[in-house]
C-alpha atoms as a PDB file:
ATOM      1  CA  MET A   1      82.873  39.900  21.580  1.00  0.00           C
ATOM      2  CA  PHE A   2      83.557  37.136  19.062  1.00  0.00           C
ATOM      3  CA  SER A   3      81.139  34.382  18.257  1.00  0.00           C
ATOM      4  CA  ALA A   4      82.349  30.816  18.018  1.00  0.00           C
ATOM      5  CA  GLY A   5      81.100  30.635  14.427  1.00  0.00           C
ATOM      6  CA  GLY A   6      83.118  33.684  13.376  1.00  0.00           C
ATOM      7  CA  VAL A   7      86.335  32.316  14.848  1.00  0.00           C
ATOM      8  CA  PHE A   8      85.755  28.945  13.191  1.00  0.00           C
ATOM      9  CA  ARG A   9      84.987  30.625   9.863  1.00  0.00           C
ATOM     10  CA  ARG A  10      88.185  32.685  10.009  1.00  0.00           C
ATOM     11  CA  LYS A  11      90.255  29.602  10.872  1.00  0.00           C
ATOM     12  CA  LEU A  12      88.634  27.642   8.042  1.00  0.00           C
ATOM     13  CA  LEU A  13      89.327  30.480   5.585  1.00  0.00           C
ATOM     14  CA  LYS A  14      92.964  30.630   6.712  1.00  0.00           C
ATOM     15  CA  GLU A  15      93.367  26.874   6.175  1.00  0.00           C
ATOM     16  CA  GLY A  16      91.659  27.145   2.786  1.00  0.00           C
ATOM     17  CA  VAL A  17      94.124  29.829   1.699  1.00  0.00           C
ATOM     18  CA  LYS A  18      97.026  27.588   2.764  1.00  0.00           C
ATOM     19  CA  VAL A  19      95.639  24.657   0.776  1.00  0.00           C
ATOM     20  CA  LEU A  20      95.014  26.859  -2.248  1.00  0.00           C
ATOM     21  CA  GLY A  21      98.576  28.165  -2.071  1.00  0.00           C
ATOM     22  CA  PHE A  22      99.859  24.592  -1.847  1.00  0.00           C
ATOM     23  CA  ILE A  23      97.859  23.529  -4.920  1.00  0.00           C
ATOM     24  CA  ILE A  24      98.998  26.567  -6.910  1.00  0.00           C
ATOM     25  CA  GLY A  25     102.581  25.812  -5.878  1.00  0.00           C
ATOM     26  CA  LEU A  26     102.225  22.235  -7.099  1.00  0.00           C
ATOM     27  CA  PHE A  27     101.025  23.390 -10.509  1.00  0.00           C
ATOM     28  CA  VAL A  28     103.734  26.039 -10.831  1.00  0.00           C
ATOM     29  CA  GLY A  29     106.413  23.568  -9.773  1.00  0.00           C
ATOM     30  CA  ALA A  30     105.145  20.948 -12.212  1.00  0.00           C
ATOM     31  CA  PHE A  31     105.124  23.514 -15.030  1.00  0.00           C
ATOM     32  CA  ILE A  32     108.691  24.581 -14.275  1.00  0.00           C
ATOM     33  CA  GLY A  33     109.750  20.924 -14.148  1.00  0.00           C
ATOM     34  CA  VAL A  34     108.187  20.191 -17.548  1.00  0.00           C
ATOM     35  CA  VAL A  35     109.837  23.246 -19.108  1.00  0.00           C
ATOM     36  CA  PHE A  36     113.216  22.245 -17.651  1.00  0.00           C
ATOM     37  CA  MET A  37     112.876  18.672 -18.923  1.00  0.00           C
ATOM     38  CA  CYS A  38     111.966  19.953 -22.412  1.00  0.00           C
ATOM     39  CA  LEU A  39     115.070  22.144 -22.419  1.00  0.00           C
ATOM     40  CA  CYS A  40     117.231  19.214 -21.319  1.00  0.00           C
ATOM     41  CA  ASN A  41     115.717  17.019 -24.037  1.00  0.00           C
ATOM     42  CA  ALA A  42     116.346  19.679 -26.689  1.00  0.00           C
ATOM     43  CA  ALA A  43     119.957  20.084 -25.530  1.00  0.00           C
ATOM     44  CA  ALA A  44     120.519  16.318 -25.674  1.00  0.00           C
ATOM     45  CA  LYS A  45     119.168  16.140 -29.236  1.00  0.00           C
ATOM     46  CA  ALA A  46     121.306  19.116 -30.267  1.00  0.00           C
ATOM     47  CA  ASP A  47     124.387  17.368 -28.837  1.00  0.00           C
ATOM     48  CA  GLU A  48     123.576  14.227 -30.838  1.00  0.00           C
ATOM     49  CA  GLN A  49     123.199  16.238 -34.038  1.00  0.00           C
ATOM     50  CA  MET A  50     126.458  18.077 -33.397  1.00  0.00           C
ATOM     51  CA  GLU A  51     128.285  14.781 -32.841  1.00  0.00           C
ATOM     52  CA  ASP A  52     126.816  13.344 -36.046  1.00  0.00           C
ATOM     53  CA  HIS A  53     127.825  16.444 -37.973  1.00  0.00           C
ATOM     54  CA  ILE A  54     131.390  16.357 -36.595  1.00  0.00           C
ATOM     55  CA  ASN A  55     131.676  12.624 -37.370  1.00  0.00           C
ATOM     56  CA  ASP A  56     130.472  13.211 -40.949  1.00  0.00           C
ATOM     57  CA  LYS A  57     133.123  15.906 -41.453  1.00  0.00           C
ATOM     58  CA  ASN A  58     135.881  13.648 -40.107  1.00  0.00           C
ATOM     59  CA  LYS A  59     134.923  10.768 -42.425  1.00  0.00           C
ATOM     60  CA  LYS A  60     135.414  12.915 -45.557  1.00  0.00           C
END
């Protein structure tokens, strides 16, 4: 019914799809991590500017 080559080919294709999914997941996860870190950095800088602005108002 099935040849040994066909079974091996199907198994190899299945493993290849798993590896491809893993690689795509790595890239998507890295992208989300970079976006999150950029948002955190922007929030930290905004906090610093707000503190500076509040301190300037209090000094007057």
